[in-house]
Amino acid sequence: MKTSAKEKIIKIFTGFNPVGDNDYERSFEFQNISTGNYDPPAYIVRIILIELLGLPDYGPMEKVWWHTVFNYKNKTFLIRDYKFGSWSIEGETADELAQKIVSEIKKKIKIASNNLDKILYAHLKYYAQNGNFFIKNLSRSLSSIYYFYLQKTKDAIDDVRNLKTSKVSKESNSLIADSWNENLKLTKTTFCYVYSMIHAFYSYLEFILDVIYAFEQPNIDFWEFRKKCWNDRFKMLFNLKIRALNKIYVKLLEYKNKYRNPLSHGLTNEISILVPLPASGLVPLSYQFLSNELYYGLMGMNDINIAEQIIETFSSFLDYMNKSEPYSYYLRYAEWGFEIPVNKKDVEKIKNRMTNMEDFEEYLKGEAAYTDTIINREI
């Protein structure tokens, strides 16, 4: 008979046995041998030891949700989880032999976890494909990257604008050259930040589209929604008959096609192809390609004003989101750091709180306090 995946995992832990009452009582005086373990995470360790091996779960303790005690190689050990998802191993002693056995136990857990993860992936993917999942909230990370490069770009633009050309005589050609080189350097710096800002913004925007999908629940499966190109997802979620929003969309699409997409692919398209032409040297496939700032501009863009126009478009979109309902509620929820539910019941529960922003803020504060107590294992 073919050995099942569960049986293979259980076989790894041959020799692990539950303890009697006396051994469990002694475990309260055990010493830490290995703490702060995160790989694999504590929830995987629990499934292996308690659900698969059948070791007893002795329940919660301070900052702990579960713990179990077992005998292995004539020694008794305690494994428990801890807040923030780590887990620890304790023993009667922390001598060299105990540490050696604990290293063996950790290796067994690691091997079993790799096997279990493959099984668990298929199981969890089934639930996710049926809409029972949350989207990890990366709002703070993505927005902070964008705003970092936004400020860097603004500062660089100010440096260019504030650069005063020295008043020099005809004889001071070296000063003219110095001033020109300084301007060149500052402009180049500006556009380096612009390109980073563009990437950061569209990454943040991709996340925003997922958030809006979750709350709007359009008539399309999430996984199918994700497969669609950016502009189709955008048009599916926003009413582009609104003139102001349509104007922003047109610009966002332009900058995405003109800057973000080529940069994401290393500027590797036919615009970069040059062919030798007699008496002309290397020429592009089309002379119209010469107008593309990324490839043939002095430093990627021909005019510092373009950077300011891009900033204006990005800011206009985020301003619209923050000032227009219901999007302002969606962004505010994301900004608080909560994971984003896609399950319709969970979504409706939150949307029912979106009556006015003041009350919604109070609701979010309460949810944040409750979440903190869970993370800190206070309940």
Protein backbone atom coordinates (compact mmCIF):
# COMPACT_ATOMS: atom_id res chain seq x y z
CA MET A 1 0.00 0.00 0.00
CA LYS A 2 1.27 3.45 -0.90
CA THR A 3 2.37 5.43 2.15
CA SER A 4 0.30 8.62 2.58
CA ALA A 5 1.87 12.02 2.98
CA LYS A 6 0.56 12.16 6.54
CA GLU A 7 2.15 8.81 7.37
CA LYS A 8 5.49 9.98 5.97
CA ILE A 9 5.45 13.02 8.24
CA ILE A 10 4.47 10.98 11.28
CA LYS A 11 7.30 8.52 10.55
CA ILE A 12 9.84 11.35 10.84
CA PHE A 13 8.91 11.67 14.51
CA THR A 14 9.30 8.04 15.53
CA GLY A 15 10.21 8.02 19.21
CA PHE A 16 8.18 11.11 20.13
CA ASN A 17 5.78 10.10 22.93
CA PRO A 18 3.30 11.98 25.11
CA VAL A 19 4.17 12.37 28.80
CA GLY A 20 2.46 11.52 32.02
CA ASP A 21 1.08 13.99 34.52
CA ASN A 22 4.27 14.05 36.60
CA ASP A 23 6.47 14.94 33.63
CA TYR A 24 4.06 17.68 32.60
CA GLU A 25 4.09 19.22 36.08
CA ARG A 26 7.90 19.28 36.01
CA SER A 27 7.84 21.17 32.67
CA PHE A 28 6.95 24.39 34.50
CA GLU A 29 10.55 24.49 35.73
CA PHE A 30 12.19 23.73 32.36
CA GLN A 31 14.99 25.86 30.90
CA ASN A 32 14.99 27.56 27.51
CA ILE A 33 17.19 25.72 25.00
CA SER A 34 16.10 27.26 21.70
CA THR A 35 14.04 30.46 21.47
CA GLY A 36 12.93 32.89 18.78
CA ASN A 37 12.42 30.27 16.07
CA TYR A 38 10.53 31.55 13.00
CA ASP A 39 11.37 29.01 10.31
CA PRO A 40 9.02 27.24 10.07
CA PRO A 41 6.38 29.50 11.65
CA ALA A 42 4.63 28.45 14.83
CA TYR A 43 1.32 27.58 13.16
CA ILE A 44 3.06 24.92 11.05
CA VAL A 45 4.77 23.46 14.13
CA ARG A 46 1.41 23.23 15.89
CA ILE A 47 -0.21 21.36 13.01
CA ILE A 48 2.65 18.85 12.96
CA LEU A 49 2.89 18.17 16.68
CA ILE A 50 -0.70 18.47 17.79
CA GLU A 51 -2.90 17.75 14.78
CA LEU A 52 -0.75 15.16 12.96
CA LEU A 53 1.24 13.50 15.76
CA GLY A 54 -1.62 13.81 18.24
CA LEU A 55 0.46 15.24 21.07
CA PRO A 56 -1.77 16.96 23.66
CA ASP A 57 -2.31 20.71 23.51
CA TYR A 58 -2.04 21.94 27.08
CA GLY A 59 -3.58 25.26 26.08
CA PRO A 60 -2.63 28.90 26.52
CA MET A 61 -0.25 30.52 28.97
CA GLU A 62 0.93 34.11 29.27
CA LYS A 63 1.73 35.36 25.71
CA VAL A 64 1.27 31.75 24.53
CA TRP A 65 -1.65 30.20 22.61
CA TRP A 66 -0.56 26.55 22.77
CA HIS A 67 2.11 24.34 24.25
CA THR A 68 2.83 20.63 24.28
CA VAL A 69 5.19 18.33 26.21
CA PHE A 70 6.72 15.07 24.97
CA ASN A 71 9.48 12.54 25.60
CA TYR A 72 12.24 11.88 23.08
CA LYS A 73 15.43 9.88 23.62
CA ASN A 74 14.71 9.54 27.33
CA LYS A 75 14.40 13.29 27.81
CA THR A 76 11.34 15.50 28.23
CA PHE A 77 10.86 18.66 26.17
CA LEU A 78 8.28 21.43 25.95
CA ILE A 79 7.48 23.28 22.73
CA ARG A 80 5.36 26.41 22.83
CA ASP A 81 4.49 29.26 20.54
CA TYR A 82 4.98 32.89 21.47
CA LYS A 83 3.68 36.25 20.27
CA PHE A 84 4.71 37.44 16.79
CA GLY A 85 4.67 33.83 15.54
CA SER A 86 7.87 32.45 17.04
CA TRP A 87 8.26 29.20 18.98
CA SER A 88 10.61 27.83 21.61
CA ILE A 89 11.92 24.53 22.92
CA GLU A 90 12.53 24.01 26.62
CA GLY A 91 14.06 21.07 28.49
CA GLU A 92 14.84 19.72 31.92
CA THR A 93 18.43 20.84 31.37
CA ALA A 94 20.23 22.93 28.77
CA ASP A 95 23.40 20.85 28.78
CA GLU A 96 25.34 19.77 25.69
CA LEU A 97 23.36 16.54 25.22
CA ALA A 98 20.01 18.37 25.47
CA GLN A 99 21.14 20.95 22.95
CA LYS A 100 22.24 18.20 20.56
CA ILE A 101 18.86 16.50 20.80
CA VAL A 102 17.05 19.82 20.33
CA SER A 103 19.05 20.44 17.14
CA GLU A 104 17.85 17.05 15.92
CA ILE A 105 14.26 17.88 16.82
CA LYS A 106 14.45 21.17 14.92
CA LYS A 107 15.81 19.39 11.84
CA LYS A 108 12.94 16.92 11.97
CA ILE A 109 10.43 19.75 12.28
CA LYS A 110 12.04 21.53 9.33
CA ILE A 111 11.90 18.44 7.09
CA ALA A 112 8.31 17.72 8.08
CA SER A 113 7.34 21.35 7.54
CA ASN A 114 8.61 21.33 3.97
CA ASN A 115 6.46 18.28 3.25
CA LEU A 116 3.44 19.65 5.07
CA ASP A 117 3.66 23.02 3.34
CA LYS A 118 3.17 21.40 -0.08
CA ILE A 119 0.06 19.60 1.17
CA LEU A 120 -1.23 22.68 2.98
CA TYR A 121 -0.68 24.90 -0.07
CA ALA A 122 -3.10 22.88 -2.19
CA HIS A 123 -5.63 22.83 0.64
CA LEU A 124 -5.44 26.57 1.33
CA LYS A 125 -5.42 27.43 -2.38
CA TYR A 126 -8.81 25.72 -2.68
CA TYR A 127 -10.26 28.07 -0.07
CA ALA A 128 -8.62 31.09 -1.67
CA GLN A 129 -9.99 30.22 -5.10
CA ASN A 130 -13.45 30.15 -3.56
CA GLY A 131 -13.13 33.68 -2.20
CA ASN A 132 -12.35 32.81 1.41
CA PHE A 133 -9.15 34.81 1.88
CA PHE A 134 -7.61 38.15 2.85
CA ILE A 135 -5.11 40.27 0.90
CA LYS A 136 -1.95 41.04 2.84
CA ASN A 137 -1.93 44.76 3.56
CA LEU A 138 1.20 46.32 2.09
CA SER A 139 -0.23 49.84 2.02
CA ARG A 140 2.23 51.31 4.50
CA SER A 141 5.28 49.78 2.84
CA LEU A 142 4.29 50.70 -0.71
CA SER A 143 3.06 54.20 0.12
CA SER A 144 6.14 54.98 2.19
CA ILE A 145 8.40 54.04 -0.73
CA TYR A 146 6.38 56.22 -3.07
CA TYR A 147 6.33 59.23 -0.74
CA PHE A 148 10.05 58.83 -0.06
CA TYR A 149 10.89 59.15 -3.75
CA LEU A 150 8.24 61.81 -4.24
CA GLN A 151 9.97 64.02 -1.67
CA LYS A 152 13.39 63.23 -3.12
CA THR A 153 12.11 64.24 -6.56
CA LYS A 154 10.61 67.47 -5.27
CA ASP A 155 13.83 68.36 -3.46
CA ALA A 156 15.86 67.64 -6.59
CA ILE A 157 13.55 69.80 -8.70
CA ASP A 158 13.96 72.64 -6.20
CA ASP A 159 17.74 72.28 -6.47
CA VAL A 160 17.53 72.65 -10.24
CA ARG A 161 15.14 75.59 -10.04
CA ASN A 162 17.24 77.34 -7.42
CA LEU A 163 20.50 76.94 -9.26
CA LYS A 164 21.61 80.45 -10.15
CA THR A 165 23.76 80.86 -13.19
CA SER A 166 26.84 82.84 -12.27
CA LYS A 167 27.18 86.25 -13.80
CA VAL A 168 30.38 85.85 -15.70
CA SER A 169 32.28 87.87 -18.24
CA LYS A 170 33.32 86.65 -21.64
CA GLU A 171 36.69 85.68 -20.18
CA SER A 172 35.23 83.35 -17.53
CA ASN A 173 34.38 80.41 -19.77
CA SER A 174 35.45 77.98 -17.04
CA LEU A 175 32.76 79.35 -14.69
CA ILE A 176 30.16 78.99 -17.41
CA ALA A 177 31.24 75.38 -17.88
CA ASP A 178 31.11 74.75 -14.12
CA SER A 179 27.60 76.17 -13.93
CA TRP A 180 26.47 74.09 -16.88
CA ASN A 181 27.97 70.91 -15.42
CA GLU A 182 26.30 71.56 -12.07
CA ASN A 183 22.95 72.01 -13.79
CA LEU A 184 23.54 68.80 -15.75
CA LYS A 185 24.35 66.90 -12.57
CA LEU A 186 21.29 68.18 -10.69
CA THR A 187 18.97 67.47 -13.62
CA LYS A 188 20.30 63.93 -13.95
CA THR A 189 19.76 63.37 -10.23
CA THR A 190 16.20 64.63 -10.57
CA PHE A 191 15.34 62.14 -13.26
CA CYS A 192 16.91 59.25 -11.38
CA TYR A 193 14.50 60.02 -8.56
CA VAL A 194 11.63 60.51 -11.03
CA TYR A 195 12.10 57.02 -12.43
CA SER A 196 12.17 55.50 -8.95
CA MET A 197 9.07 57.51 -8.01
CA ILE A 198 7.24 56.25 -11.11
CA HIS A 199 7.93 52.62 -10.24
CA ALA A 200 6.93 53.17 -6.62
CA PHE A 201 3.68 54.89 -7.56
CA TYR A 202 2.47 52.20 -9.95
CA SER A 203 3.36 49.49 -7.43
CA TYR A 204 1.25 51.32 -4.86
CA LEU A 205 -1.51 51.80 -7.42
CA GLU A 206 -1.60 48.06 -8.19
CA PHE A 207 -2.26 47.43 -4.51
CA ILE A 208 -4.95 50.11 -4.41
CA LEU A 209 -6.76 48.38 -7.28
CA ASP A 210 -6.81 45.15 -5.26
CA VAL A 211 -8.23 47.01 -2.26
CA ILE A 212 -10.99 48.58 -4.33
CA TYR A 213 -11.78 45.20 -5.88
CA ALA A 214 -12.21 43.71 -2.40
CA PHE A 215 -14.63 46.40 -1.27
CA GLU A 216 -16.51 46.91 -4.53
CA GLN A 217 -16.90 43.19 -5.29
CA PRO A 218 -17.23 43.53 -9.09
CA ASN A 219 -18.85 40.64 -10.93
CA ILE A 220 -15.60 38.86 -11.72
CA ASP A 221 -13.46 36.30 -9.93
CA PHE A 222 -10.48 37.84 -8.14
CA TRP A 223 -7.97 35.62 -9.92
CA GLU A 224 -9.45 36.54 -13.30
CA PHE A 225 -9.37 40.19 -12.27
CA ARG A 226 -5.67 39.90 -11.46
CA LYS A 227 -4.94 38.45 -14.92
CA LYS A 228 -6.38 41.48 -16.72
CA CYS A 229 -4.11 44.26 -17.88
CA TRP A 230 -3.81 47.37 -15.76
CA ASN A 231 -6.05 49.66 -17.80
CA ASP A 232 -8.87 47.08 -17.95
CA ARG A 233 -8.79 46.66 -14.18
CA PHE A 234 -8.80 50.42 -13.73
CA LYS A 235 -11.80 50.91 -16.04
CA MET A 236 -13.63 48.06 -14.34
CA LEU A 237 -13.39 49.78 -10.94
CA PHE A 238 -13.80 53.47 -11.79
CA ASN A 239 -16.47 55.44 -13.59
CA LEU A 240 -14.47 57.15 -16.31
CA LYS A 241 -17.51 59.17 -17.35
CA ILE A 242 -16.46 61.46 -14.52
CA ARG A 243 -14.47 64.03 -16.44
CA ALA A 244 -11.87 64.76 -13.77
CA LEU A 245 -11.19 61.08 -13.20
CA ASN A 246 -11.00 60.31 -16.90
CA LYS A 247 -8.44 63.09 -17.36
CA ILE A 248 -6.29 61.56 -14.62
CA TYR A 249 -6.68 58.09 -16.13
CA VAL A 250 -5.51 59.23 -19.56
CA LYS A 251 -2.36 60.71 -18.04
CA LEU A 252 -1.73 57.67 -15.83
CA LEU A 253 -1.99 55.44 -18.86
CA GLU A 254 0.33 57.70 -20.85
CA TYR A 255 3.02 57.73 -18.18
CA LYS A 256 2.68 54.00 -17.64
CA ASN A 257 3.18 53.23 -21.33
CA LYS A 258 5.81 55.89 -21.87
CA TYR A 259 7.97 55.45 -18.77
CA ARG A 260 6.98 52.74 -16.33
CA ASN A 261 6.60 49.81 -18.78
CA PRO A 262 9.81 50.42 -20.78
CA LEU A 263 11.82 50.92 -17.58
CA SER A 264 10.37 47.73 -16.06
CA HIS A 265 11.66 45.77 -19.04
CA GLY A 266 15.11 47.34 -19.17
CA LEU A 267 14.25 49.52 -22.17
CA THR A 268 14.40 46.38 -24.31
CA ASN A 269 12.07 46.96 -27.23
CA GLU A 270 12.46 47.89 -30.88
CA ILE A 271 13.07 51.55 -30.04
CA SER A 272 16.50 50.51 -28.79
CA ILE A 273 17.42 48.77 -32.06
CA LEU A 274 19.98 50.61 -34.20
CA VAL A 275 20.90 49.63 -37.75
CA PRO A 276 24.00 50.83 -39.68
CA LEU A 277 23.03 53.01 -42.63
CA PRO A 278 25.62 54.03 -45.27
CA ALA A 279 26.80 57.63 -44.85
CA SER A 280 24.56 58.00 -41.77
CA GLY A 281 25.95 55.67 -39.12
CA LEU A 282 23.66 53.87 -36.69
CA VAL A 283 20.01 54.87 -37.01
CA PRO A 284 16.80 53.72 -35.28
CA LEU A 285 14.20 51.66 -37.13
CA SER A 286 12.03 54.78 -37.32
CA TYR A 287 13.21 58.37 -37.06
CA GLN A 288 10.06 59.03 -35.00
CA PHE A 289 11.67 56.99 -32.24
CA LEU A 290 14.12 59.86 -31.81
CA SER A 291 11.39 61.81 -30.03
CA ASN A 292 11.27 59.24 -27.21
CA GLU A 293 12.88 60.94 -24.20
CA LEU A 294 13.78 57.72 -22.41
CA TYR A 295 15.97 56.48 -25.24
CA TYR A 296 17.19 59.60 -27.02
CA GLY A 297 16.71 62.46 -24.55
CA LEU A 298 19.78 64.12 -23.07
CA MET A 299 19.17 62.47 -19.71
CA GLY A 300 15.98 60.53 -20.29
CA MET A 301 13.59 63.48 -20.34
CA ASN A 302 14.01 66.66 -22.30
CA ASP A 303 12.37 69.02 -19.84
CA ILE A 304 12.29 69.31 -16.04
CA ASN A 305 8.65 70.33 -16.39
CA ILE A 306 7.78 66.72 -17.28
CA ALA A 307 8.77 65.62 -13.79
CA GLU A 308 6.44 68.22 -12.28
CA GLN A 309 3.61 67.12 -14.58
CA ILE A 310 4.01 63.51 -13.50
CA ILE A 311 3.94 64.54 -9.85
CA GLU A 312 0.80 66.57 -10.50
CA THR A 313 -0.96 63.58 -12.07
CA PHE A 314 0.01 61.16 -9.31
CA SER A 315 -1.02 63.66 -6.63
CA SER A 316 -4.32 64.36 -8.38
CA PHE A 317 -5.21 60.69 -8.36
CA LEU A 318 -4.41 60.18 -4.68
CA ASP A 319 -6.21 63.42 -3.80
CA TYR A 320 -9.26 62.20 -5.68
CA MET A 321 -9.15 58.90 -3.80
CA ASN A 322 -8.83 60.58 -0.42
CA LYS A 323 -11.60 63.09 -1.04
CA SER A 324 -14.15 60.94 -2.87
CA GLU A 325 -16.45 58.41 -1.24
CA PRO A 326 -16.40 55.46 -1.01
CA TYR A 327 -12.72 55.36 -1.99
CA SER A 328 -11.68 57.54 0.93
CA TYR A 329 -13.05 54.88 3.30
CA TYR A 330 -11.23 52.08 1.48
CA LEU A 331 -7.89 53.88 1.60
CA ARG A 332 -8.34 54.82 5.22
CA TYR A 333 -9.02 51.20 6.13
CA ALA A 334 -5.88 50.13 4.28
CA GLU A 335 -3.80 52.89 5.87
CA TRP A 336 -4.58 51.47 9.31
CA GLY A 337 -2.79 48.28 8.30
CA PHE A 338 -5.63 45.77 8.52
CA GLU A 339 -5.49 42.80 6.16
CA ILE A 340 -8.02 43.24 3.34
CA PRO A 341 -10.92 40.74 3.34
CA VAL A 342 -12.33 39.44 0.09
CA ASN A 343 -15.03 37.25 1.61
CA LYS A 344 -18.32 39.09 0.98
CA LYS A 345 -19.62 38.70 4.54
CA ASP A 346 -16.47 40.19 6.04
CA VAL A 347 -16.50 43.02 3.49
CA GLU A 348 -20.13 43.92 4.17
CA LYS A 349 -19.48 44.01 7.91
CA ILE A 350 -16.83 46.68 7.35
CA LYS A 351 -18.77 48.62 4.73
CA ASN A 352 -21.73 48.92 7.09
CA ARG A 353 -19.45 51.06 9.27
CA MET A 354 -18.73 53.50 6.44
CA THR A 355 -21.47 55.96 7.34
CA ASN A 356 -19.29 58.99 8.08
CA MET A 357 -15.54 59.38 8.42
CA GLU A 358 -15.56 60.42 12.08
CA ASP A 359 -17.46 57.34 13.19
CA PHE A 360 -15.43 55.17 10.86
CA GLU A 361 -12.20 56.41 12.46
CA GLU A 362 -13.53 55.45 15.88
CA TYR A 363 -14.41 52.02 14.56
CA LEU A 364 -10.89 51.61 13.15
CA LYS A 365 -9.34 52.68 16.45
CA GLY A 366 -11.35 50.02 18.25
CA GLU A 367 -10.38 47.36 15.71
CA ALA A 368 -6.73 48.36 15.97
CA ALA A 369 -6.81 48.07 19.77
CA TYR A 370 -8.44 44.65 19.51
CA THR A 371 -5.87 43.51 16.93
CA ASP A 372 -3.02 44.66 19.17
CA THR A 373 -4.34 42.59 22.08
CA ILE A 374 -4.35 39.52 19.83
CA ILE A 375 -0.84 40.16 18.51
CA ASN A 376 0.43 40.65 22.04
CA ARG A 377 -1.41 37.49 23.16
CA GLU A 378 -3.35 39.39 25.81
CA ILE A 379 -6.58 37.56 25.00
